[in-house]
Amino acid sequence: MTTPRPDQLERKVQQLDNDVQAIYEMVARIEGTLRRHSNRFDEIGGRLDQMDGRLDQMDGRLDQMDGRLDQMDGKLDEVLRRLDRR
């Protein structure tokens, strides 16, 4: 096995150093992207929580309306029953 020349060794070390620096830069960019995504997910989660609250309110109102319609249905049945007796 031959020993690399000093200039080849220096070039190889320099290339490896450049590769390591490039990897650090990629990791830093990935970290920034992940941070932005996390922030956006937090915003979206907050909006979904608000929408969930509003849907719960709407569900409550629909339940009230359903109850009132049931009452009206009962009253209408009573009116029709009375009309049928005539």
Protein backbone atom coordinates (compact mmCIF):
# COMPACT_ATOMS: atom_id res chain seq x y z
CA MET A 1 0.00 0.00 0.00
CA THR A 2 1.39 3.39 -0.96
CA THR A 3 1.41 6.36 1.34
CA PRO A 4 -0.36 9.43 0.00
CA ARG A 5 1.77 12.41 -0.78
CA PRO A 6 1.55 15.30 1.69
CA ASP A 7 -0.24 17.52 -0.84
CA GLN A 8 -2.82 14.78 -1.51
CA LEU A 9 -3.31 14.28 2.20
CA GLU A 10 -3.77 18.01 2.75
CA ARG A 11 -6.29 18.17 -0.10
CA LYS A 12 -8.20 15.22 1.34
CA VAL A 13 -8.30 16.79 4.81
CA GLN A 14 -9.47 20.09 3.29
CA GLN A 15 -12.21 18.29 1.33
CA LEU A 16 -13.38 16.46 4.44
CA ASP A 17 -13.42 19.76 6.36
CA ASN A 18 -15.49 21.33 3.58
CA ASP A 19 -17.87 18.37 3.65
CA VAL A 20 -18.32 18.68 7.42
CA GLN A 21 -19.01 22.42 7.10
CA ALA A 22 -21.55 21.76 4.34
CA ILE A 23 -23.28 19.19 6.54
CA TYR A 24 -23.45 21.70 9.43
CA GLU A 25 -24.98 24.27 7.08
CA MET A 26 -27.58 21.75 5.87
CA VAL A 27 -28.45 20.80 9.44
CA ALA A 28 -28.83 24.48 10.35
CA ARG A 29 -31.19 25.03 7.39
CA ILE A 30 -33.17 21.93 8.33
CA GLU A 31 -33.39 23.15 11.92
CA GLY A 32 -34.70 26.53 10.75
CA THR A 33 -37.27 24.86 8.53
CA LEU A 34 -38.41 22.61 11.38
CA ARG A 35 -38.72 25.63 13.68
CA ARG A 36 -40.88 27.46 11.11
CA HIS A 37 -43.03 24.36 10.61
CA SER A 38 -43.46 23.94 14.36
CA ASN A 39 -44.53 27.57 14.69
CA ARG A 40 -47.00 27.16 11.85
CA PHE A 41 -48.41 23.96 13.36
CA ASP A 42 -48.87 25.82 16.66
CA GLU A 43 -50.79 28.56 14.83
CA ILE A 44 -52.94 26.03 13.02
CA GLY A 45 -53.57 24.17 16.29
CA GLY A 46 -54.74 27.40 17.91
CA ARG A 47 -57.10 28.09 15.03
CA LEU A 48 -58.45 24.53 15.20
CA ASP A 49 -59.09 24.96 18.93
CA GLN A 50 -61.08 28.13 18.19
CA MET A 51 -63.06 26.37 15.49
CA ASP A 52 -63.72 23.46 17.83
CA GLY A 53 -65.12 25.88 20.40
CA ARG A 54 -67.36 27.50 17.83
CA LEU A 55 -68.58 24.11 16.60
CA ASP A 56 -69.41 23.16 20.19
CA GLN A 57 -71.47 26.35 20.50
CA MET A 58 -73.25 25.60 17.24
CA ASP A 59 -73.92 22.05 18.38
CA GLY A 60 -75.50 23.40 21.56
CA ARG A 61 -77.70 25.76 19.60
CA LEU A 62 -78.75 22.99 17.23
CA ASP A 63 -79.66 20.84 20.23
CA GLN A 64 -81.84 23.70 21.52
CA MET A 65 -83.49 24.06 18.13
CA ASP A 66 -84.06 20.31 17.98
CA GLY A 67 -85.76 20.46 21.37
CA ARG A 68 -87.99 23.31 20.26
CA LEU A 69 -88.90 21.47 17.05
CA ASP A 70 -89.81 18.42 19.11
CA GLN A 71 -92.10 20.62 21.22
CA MET A 72 -93.67 22.12 18.12
CA ASP A 73 -94.12 18.64 16.66
CA GLY A 74 -95.93 17.56 19.80
CA LYS A 75 -98.17 20.64 19.71
CA LEU A 76 -98.92 20.07 16.02
CA ASP A 77 -99.84 16.45 16.74
CA GLU A 78 -102.20 17.69 19.46
CA VAL A 79 -103.82 20.23 17.11
CA LEU A 80 -104.27 17.60 14.41
CA ARG A 81 -105.72 15.15 16.92
CA ARG A 82 -108.24 17.78 18.07
CA LEU A 83 -109.14 18.60 14.49
CA ASP A 84 -109.71 14.92 13.72
CA ARG A 85 -112.17 14.67 16.65
CA ARG A 86 -114.53 17.23 15.08
